[in-house]
């Protein structure tokens, strides 16, 4: 890998400068162009031979194809590989172990080249797919599992990978949606590999389900490795009771103990408090609350309570101001609804 980097550097240097690259640069520049994880993994002592280190760190290289200068490649026609197509390369720069014995990286590269004709025409999708498979291959290699190993070993590797992405350090964790995307990509790859007879097994287990769309149902397969994600209605966040009370007091200009806050005193505190009570009492979403209209406000009670409490609400642009009388704990919803119309 380092030798290939040095060779390219020497060629580009000579083309642009018109003279051969100095020997010290051949030692310094490769370290500068390697990506950070590789630089940090390099041996810190000269006692470690580079071939030994490379064998212990079987990282894959991810390159992007460019046809620039293909006329000098001793080929008759331009390669059919799409421009910018990701290419995975083993650290020893080999794609096969012998005649008719392609390495897994070569198989992955063929799958990537077929993506534009398989429903993924965007170059950004190619890179995403390549990185997902690359991370999976590197994880399996760390645990001695092959990309096309037996189903038992692949399932064990997937179980370990799921634990790694769910409970390991934060930098390695995936959200449920990201994990689901990775599993979908790997599932597509293994189904393709089995169809092309490169693989005999896949690590995933599926269950049958029935999907309904536009009144038409059809049978689908659900990948059990994909984590379940909450429905939109269960992702609503609620304030804990103590924070709710703190929120209500803050809108009224009160300190946590209920006394007047001497450090802050806002405007229209009664109105602000009523608006906050309305949002908490009705559970309205932010968009619903923002676009509350005057005619959505129910009428106030015709009679005041036994202990009247007068509240003057200011008139805002396009809003209706009302004078409401209500006792503590009585008609709180109506008071809050009326106050909401005064928010300008």
Protein backbone atom coordinates (compact mmCIF):
# COMPACT_ATOMS: atom_id res chain seq x y z
CA UNK A 1 0.00 0.00 0.00
CA UNK A 2 2.70 2.46 1.01
CA UNK A 3 4.76 1.45 -2.02
CA UNK A 4 1.86 2.19 -4.34
CA UNK A 5 1.37 5.60 -2.69
CA UNK A 6 5.07 6.39 -3.10
CA UNK A 7 5.02 5.35 -6.77
CA UNK A 8 2.08 7.61 -7.59
CA UNK A 9 3.68 10.47 -5.70
CA UNK A 10 6.95 10.09 -7.57
CA UNK A 11 5.18 10.08 -10.95
CA UNK A 12 3.04 13.12 -10.18
CA UNK A 13 5.97 15.00 -8.70
CA UNK A 14 8.11 14.41 -11.78
CA UNK A 15 5.27 15.42 -14.14
CA UNK A 16 4.63 18.72 -12.35
CA UNK A 17 8.17 19.67 -11.30
CA UNK A 18 10.14 18.23 -14.20
CA UNK A 19 12.62 16.50 -11.91
CA UNK A 20 12.75 13.40 -9.75
CA UNK A 21 11.30 13.52 -6.27
CA UNK A 22 13.81 13.81 -3.45
CA UNK A 23 14.24 10.67 -1.35
CA UNK A 24 13.23 12.25 2.01
CA UNK A 25 9.85 13.20 0.53
CA UNK A 26 9.20 9.54 -0.22
CA UNK A 27 9.32 8.90 3.52
CA UNK A 28 7.33 11.92 4.67
CA UNK A 29 4.50 12.31 2.16
CA UNK A 30 2.80 8.88 2.57
CA UNK A 31 2.16 9.66 6.22
CA UNK A 32 0.49 12.93 5.25
CA UNK A 33 -1.92 11.46 2.71
CA UNK A 34 -3.02 8.41 4.71
CA UNK A 35 -6.37 8.85 6.43
CA UNK A 36 -6.30 9.45 10.16
CA UNK A 37 -7.24 5.94 11.42
CA UNK A 38 -4.42 4.43 9.36
CA UNK A 39 -1.90 7.01 10.56
CA UNK A 40 -2.84 6.36 14.18
CA UNK A 41 -2.57 2.60 13.68
CA UNK A 42 0.92 2.75 12.14
CA UNK A 43 3.68 1.22 14.30
CA UNK A 44 5.26 3.69 16.69
CA UNK A 45 8.63 1.94 16.67
CA UNK A 46 11.02 0.97 13.86
CA UNK A 47 11.33 -2.45 15.50
CA UNK A 48 8.02 -3.42 13.87
CA UNK A 49 8.39 -4.43 10.23
CA UNK A 50 5.78 -2.94 7.89
CA UNK A 51 4.77 -6.34 6.35
CA UNK A 52 4.17 -7.67 9.87
CA UNK A 53 2.08 -4.65 10.78
CA UNK A 54 0.05 -4.92 7.55
CA UNK A 55 -0.72 -8.55 8.31
CA UNK A 56 -2.00 -7.62 11.76
CA UNK A 57 -4.06 -4.68 10.45
CA UNK A 58 -5.95 -5.97 7.40
CA UNK A 59 -7.63 -2.66 6.61
CA UNK A 60 -9.35 -2.21 3.27
CA UNK A 61 -8.63 0.70 0.99
CA UNK A 62 -11.51 2.62 -0.55
CA UNK A 63 -10.68 4.35 -3.81
CA UNK A 64 -12.82 6.03 -6.47
CA UNK A 65 -12.39 5.19 -10.13
CA UNK A 66 -11.23 7.86 -12.56
CA UNK A 67 -10.71 7.26 -16.27
CA UNK A 68 -8.26 10.14 -16.57
CA UNK A 69 -5.35 9.04 -18.74
CA UNK A 70 -6.87 5.69 -19.69
CA UNK A 71 -5.21 5.92 -23.13
CA UNK A 72 -1.88 5.12 -21.46
CA UNK A 73 -3.19 1.97 -19.78
CA UNK A 74 -2.46 -0.30 -22.75
CA UNK A 75 -6.15 -0.98 -23.40
CA UNK A 76 -8.17 -0.48 -26.56
CA UNK A 77 -11.35 1.03 -25.13
CA UNK A 78 -12.27 3.11 -22.14
CA UNK A 79 -13.30 0.89 -19.18
CA UNK A 80 -17.01 0.48 -18.61
CA UNK A 81 -16.64 1.36 -14.94
CA UNK A 82 -18.74 4.47 -14.11
CA UNK A 83 -16.79 7.58 -13.20
CA UNK A 84 -16.43 7.98 -9.45
CA UNK A 85 -17.36 4.35 -8.74
CA UNK A 86 -15.97 3.16 -5.36
CA UNK A 87 -13.36 0.41 -5.53
CA UNK A 88 -12.33 -1.71 -2.54
CA UNK A 89 -8.71 -2.86 -2.43
CA UNK A 90 -7.02 -5.24 -0.01
CA UNK A 91 -3.95 -3.91 1.79
CA UNK A 92 -1.68 -6.14 -0.31
CA UNK A 93 -3.17 -4.64 -3.52
CA UNK A 94 -4.27 -8.06 -4.84
CA UNK A 95 -7.72 -8.90 -6.22
CA UNK A 96 -7.37 -12.68 -6.53
CA UNK A 97 -5.49 -15.53 -4.93
CA UNK A 98 -5.06 -17.47 -8.16
CA UNK A 99 -6.75 -18.28 -11.46
CA UNK A 100 -10.55 -18.18 -11.12
CA UNK A 101 -10.18 -17.41 -7.39
CA UNK A 102 -11.36 -13.82 -6.92
CA UNK A 103 -11.11 -12.31 -3.48
CA UNK A 104 -14.22 -11.02 -1.68
CA UNK A 105 -13.17 -7.45 -2.49
CA UNK A 106 -13.36 -8.26 -6.21
CA UNK A 107 -16.86 -9.67 -5.74
CA UNK A 108 -17.95 -6.57 -3.83
CA UNK A 109 -16.52 -4.35 -6.58
CA UNK A 110 -18.55 -6.18 -9.20
CA UNK A 111 -21.71 -5.67 -7.11
CA UNK A 112 -20.91 -1.98 -6.78
CA UNK A 113 -20.45 -1.61 -10.55
CA UNK A 114 -23.93 -3.02 -11.10
CA UNK A 115 -25.63 -0.59 -8.72
CA UNK A 116 -26.44 2.05 -11.40
CA UNK A 117 -28.55 -0.56 -13.22
CA UNK A 118 -30.08 -1.89 -9.99
CA UNK A 119 -31.97 1.15 -8.75
CA UNK A 120 -29.08 3.18 -7.29
CA UNK A 121 -27.99 5.69 -9.96
CA UNK A 122 -26.62 8.35 -7.56
CA UNK A 123 -22.85 8.39 -6.89
CA UNK A 124 -23.54 9.29 -3.26
CA UNK A 125 -25.44 6.01 -2.91
CA UNK A 126 -22.51 4.07 -4.38
CA UNK A 127 -20.15 5.49 -1.77
CA UNK A 128 -22.62 4.82 1.04
CA UNK A 129 -23.12 1.21 -0.07
CA UNK A 130 -19.36 0.69 -0.38
CA UNK A 131 -18.64 2.06 3.10
CA UNK A 132 -21.34 -0.10 4.68
CA UNK A 133 -19.90 -3.30 3.18
CA UNK A 134 -16.33 -2.17 3.92
CA UNK A 135 -17.07 -1.68 7.63
CA UNK A 136 -18.82 -5.06 7.77
CA UNK A 137 -15.88 -6.81 6.07
CA UNK A 138 -13.33 -5.19 8.38
CA UNK A 139 -15.34 -6.17 11.46
CA UNK A 140 -15.60 -9.78 10.30
CA UNK A 141 -11.87 -9.90 9.52
CA UNK A 142 -11.05 -8.76 13.06
CA UNK A 143 -12.93 -11.80 14.38
CA UNK A 144 -11.64 -14.32 11.86
CA UNK A 145 -14.90 -14.61 9.91
CA UNK A 146 -14.98 -14.53 6.11
CA UNK A 147 -17.42 -12.46 4.10
CA UNK A 148 -18.79 -15.66 2.52
CA UNK A 149 -18.36 -17.93 5.54
CA UNK A 150 -20.88 -20.51 6.74
CA UNK A 151 -24.29 -19.37 7.93
CA UNK A 152 -23.48 -20.30 11.54
CA UNK A 153 -20.36 -18.15 11.62
CA UNK A 154 -22.01 -15.30 9.74
CA UNK A 155 -24.93 -15.25 12.18
CA UNK A 156 -22.50 -15.24 15.10
CA UNK A 157 -20.63 -12.36 13.48
CA UNK A 158 -23.87 -10.44 12.92
CA UNK A 159 -24.86 -10.91 16.56
CA UNK A 160 -21.51 -9.56 17.69
CA UNK A 161 -21.75 -6.69 15.20
CA UNK A 162 -25.22 -5.75 16.48
CA UNK A 163 -23.91 -5.63 20.04
CA UNK A 164 -20.91 -3.57 18.90
CA UNK A 165 -23.12 -1.00 17.18
CA UNK A 166 -25.63 -0.80 20.03
CA UNK A 167 -23.65 -0.90 23.27
CA UNK A 168 -20.03 -0.14 22.51
CA UNK A 169 -18.34 3.33 22.71
CA UNK A 170 -20.46 6.19 21.44
CA UNK A 171 -18.27 6.64 18.36
CA UNK A 172 -19.16 3.12 17.22
CA UNK A 173 -22.89 3.19 18.00
CA UNK A 174 -25.62 3.44 15.40
CA UNK A 175 -29.08 4.90 15.79
CA UNK A 176 -31.89 2.49 14.99
CA UNK A 177 -32.50 4.14 11.62
CA UNK A 178 -28.80 3.99 10.65
CA UNK A 179 -28.58 0.36 11.72
CA UNK A 180 -31.66 -0.46 9.67
CA UNK A 181 -30.12 1.18 6.61
CA UNK A 182 -26.92 -0.85 7.03
CA UNK A 183 -28.84 -4.08 7.41
CA UNK A 184 -30.89 -3.35 4.29
CA UNK A 185 -27.74 -2.72 2.24
CA UNK A 186 -26.04 -5.88 3.50
CA UNK A 187 -29.19 -7.86 2.82
CA UNK A 188 -29.22 -6.63 -0.79
CA UNK A 189 -25.57 -7.58 -1.18
CA UNK A 190 -25.96 -11.11 0.19
CA UNK A 191 -29.05 -11.81 -1.89
CA UNK A 192 -27.15 -10.71 -4.98
CA UNK A 193 -24.10 -12.80 -3.99
CA UNK A 194 -26.25 -15.90 -3.47
CA UNK A 195 -28.00 -15.38 -6.81
CA UNK A 196 -24.61 -15.06 -8.54
CA UNK A 197 -23.38 -18.15 -6.63
CA UNK A 198 -20.60 -16.34 -4.80
CA UNK A 199 -22.18 -17.05 -1.42
CA UNK A 200 -23.92 -20.12 -0.08
CA UNK A 201 -25.46 -18.48 3.00
CA UNK A 202 -26.38 -15.13 4.50
CA UNK A 203 -26.50 -14.04 8.14
CA UNK A 204 -30.07 -12.77 8.09
CA UNK A 205 -33.34 -14.38 9.13
CA UNK A 206 -36.64 -13.21 7.69
CA UNK A 207 -40.29 -13.53 8.60
CA UNK A 208 -43.27 -13.27 6.32
CA UNK A 209 -45.51 -10.23 6.60
CA UNK A 210 -48.30 -8.65 4.63
CA UNK A 211 -48.00 -5.06 3.47
CA UNK A 212 -51.03 -3.00 2.48
CA UNK A 213 -50.65 -0.14 0.01
CA UNK A 214 -53.47 1.68 -1.81
CA UNK A 215 -55.90 -1.01 -0.80
CA UNK A 216 -53.76 -3.81 -2.25
CA UNK A 217 -51.98 -6.32 -0.03
CA UNK A 218 -48.87 -8.28 -0.88
CA UNK A 219 -46.51 -10.64 0.91
CA UNK A 220 -43.15 -9.21 1.99
CA UNK A 221 -40.11 -10.46 3.89
CA UNK A 222 -39.07 -8.60 7.03
CA UNK A 223 -35.43 -8.71 8.10
CA UNK A 224 -35.36 -9.60 11.80
CA UNK A 225 -31.96 -7.92 12.23
CA UNK A 226 -33.54 -4.48 11.71
CA UNK A 227 -34.38 -2.79 14.98
CA UNK A 228 -37.92 -1.63 15.48
CA UNK A 229 -38.34 2.13 15.51
CA UNK A 230 -41.14 3.96 17.35
CA UNK A 231 -44.14 5.25 15.47
CA UNK A 232 -44.46 9.04 15.15
CA UNK A 233 -47.19 9.26 17.79
CA UNK A 234 -45.00 7.66 20.47
CA UNK A 235 -42.05 9.98 19.86
CA UNK A 236 -43.81 12.94 21.50
CA UNK A 237 -41.70 14.24 24.36
CA UNK A 238 -43.30 15.15 27.67
CA UNK A 239 -42.00 17.23 30.56
CA UNK A 240 -41.56 15.55 33.92
CA UNK A 241 -43.93 16.89 36.61
CA UNK A 242 -41.23 18.87 38.43
CA UNK A 243 -40.03 20.47 35.19
CA UNK A 244 -43.62 21.20 34.22
CA UNK A 245 -44.20 23.15 37.42
CA UNK A 246 -40.90 24.99 36.95
CA UNK A 247 -41.98 25.88 33.39
CA UNK A 248 -45.35 27.23 34.56
CA UNK A 249 -43.75 29.34 37.30
CA UNK A 250 -41.12 30.72 34.93
CA UNK A 251 -43.78 31.95 32.51
CA UNK A 252 -45.39 33.85 35.39
CA UNK A 253 -42.13 35.46 36.47
CA UNK A 254 -41.85 33.33 39.60
CA UNK A 255 -38.85 31.63 41.15
CA UNK A 256 -38.84 27.84 41.71
CA UNK A 257 -40.14 28.36 45.26
CA UNK A 258 -43.10 30.41 43.99
CA UNK A 259 -41.81 33.81 45.05
CA UNK A 260 -41.28 36.73 42.70
CA UNK A 261 -38.18 36.27 40.57
CA UNK A 262 -35.95 39.25 41.33
CA UNK A 263 -33.51 38.50 38.53
CA UNK A 264 -36.03 38.42 35.66
CA UNK A 265 -39.39 40.00 35.06
CA UNK A 266 -40.93 39.58 31.62
CA UNK A 267 -43.93 41.23 29.97
CA UNK A 268 -47.56 40.07 30.08
CA UNK A 269 -46.87 37.39 32.68
CA UNK A 270 -50.52 36.44 33.17
CA UNK A 271 -51.01 35.95 29.46
CA UNK A 272 -47.79 33.93 29.16
CA UNK A 273 -48.76 31.71 32.05
CA UNK A 274 -52.22 31.08 30.60
CA UNK A 275 -50.73 30.18 27.23
CA UNK A 276 -48.37 27.70 28.88
CA UNK A 277 -51.25 26.13 30.81
CA UNK A 278 -53.21 25.81 27.58
CA UNK A 279 -50.37 23.99 25.83
CA UNK A 280 -49.88 21.62 28.75
CA UNK A 281 -53.58 20.97 29.28
CA UNK A 282 -54.45 20.22 25.65
CA UNK A 283 -51.24 18.48 24.52
CA UNK A 284 -51.17 20.49 21.33
CA UNK A 285 -48.22 20.08 19.03
CA UNK A 286 -46.03 23.06 18.25
CA UNK A 287 -47.48 23.64 14.77
CA UNK A 288 -51.04 23.35 16.03
CA UNK A 289 -50.33 25.78 18.83
CA UNK A 290 -48.62 28.29 16.52
CA UNK A 291 -51.57 28.45 14.14
CA UNK A 292 -54.36 28.55 16.71
CA UNK A 293 -57.16 30.71 15.30
CA UNK A 294 -59.64 32.91 17.22
CA UNK A 295 -62.73 31.02 16.06
CA UNK A 296 -61.23 27.79 17.42
CA UNK A 297 -61.61 29.21 20.94
CA UNK A 298 -64.76 28.03 22.74
CA UNK A 299 -66.98 30.53 24.45
CA UNK A 300 -66.17 31.48 28.02
CA UNK A 301 -68.60 30.52 30.81
CA UNK A 302 -71.48 32.97 31.02
CA UNK A 303 -71.19 33.35 34.79
CA UNK A 304 -68.13 34.07 36.90
CA UNK A 305 -67.12 31.77 39.72
CA UNK A 306 -67.64 32.53 43.40
CA UNK A 307 -64.13 33.92 43.75
CA UNK A 308 -63.58 36.12 40.70
CA UNK A 309 -60.13 36.70 39.29
CA UNK A 310 -59.91 39.49 36.72
CA UNK A 311 -57.43 39.07 33.86
CA UNK A 312 -56.89 41.76 31.24
CA UNK A 313 -55.57 40.31 27.99
CA UNK A 314 -53.86 42.64 25.56
CA UNK A 315 -55.03 42.93 22.01
CA UNK A 316 -52.56 41.56 19.45
CA UNK A 317 -52.44 41.85 15.64
CA UNK A 318 -55.31 39.87 14.18
CA UNK A 319 -56.27 38.51 17.59
CA UNK A 320 -59.22 39.01 19.92
CA UNK A 321 -58.74 40.30 23.47
CA UNK A 322 -61.12 39.17 26.20
CA UNK A 323 -61.78 39.95 29.84
CA UNK A 324 -62.20 36.71 31.75
CA UNK A 325 -63.16 35.99 35.32
CA UNK A 326 -62.39 32.61 36.81
CA UNK A 327 -61.55 31.27 40.21
CA UNK A 328 -58.49 29.26 41.03
CA UNK A 329 -58.80 25.77 39.61
CA UNK A 330 -62.02 26.58 37.77
CA UNK A 331 -62.34 27.03 34.01
CA UNK A 332 -58.57 26.85 33.59
CA UNK A 333 -58.92 25.47 30.08
CA UNK A 334 -61.19 28.30 28.96
CA UNK A 335 -58.91 30.89 30.49
CA UNK A 336 -55.90 29.46 28.73
CA UNK A 337 -57.74 29.25 25.42
CA UNK A 338 -58.79 32.85 25.70
CA UNK A 339 -55.28 33.93 26.55
CA UNK A 340 -53.92 32.15 23.51
CA UNK A 341 -55.87 34.48 21.22
CA UNK A 342 -53.98 37.44 22.67
CA UNK A 343 -50.56 36.11 21.65
CA UNK A 344 -49.38 38.47 18.92
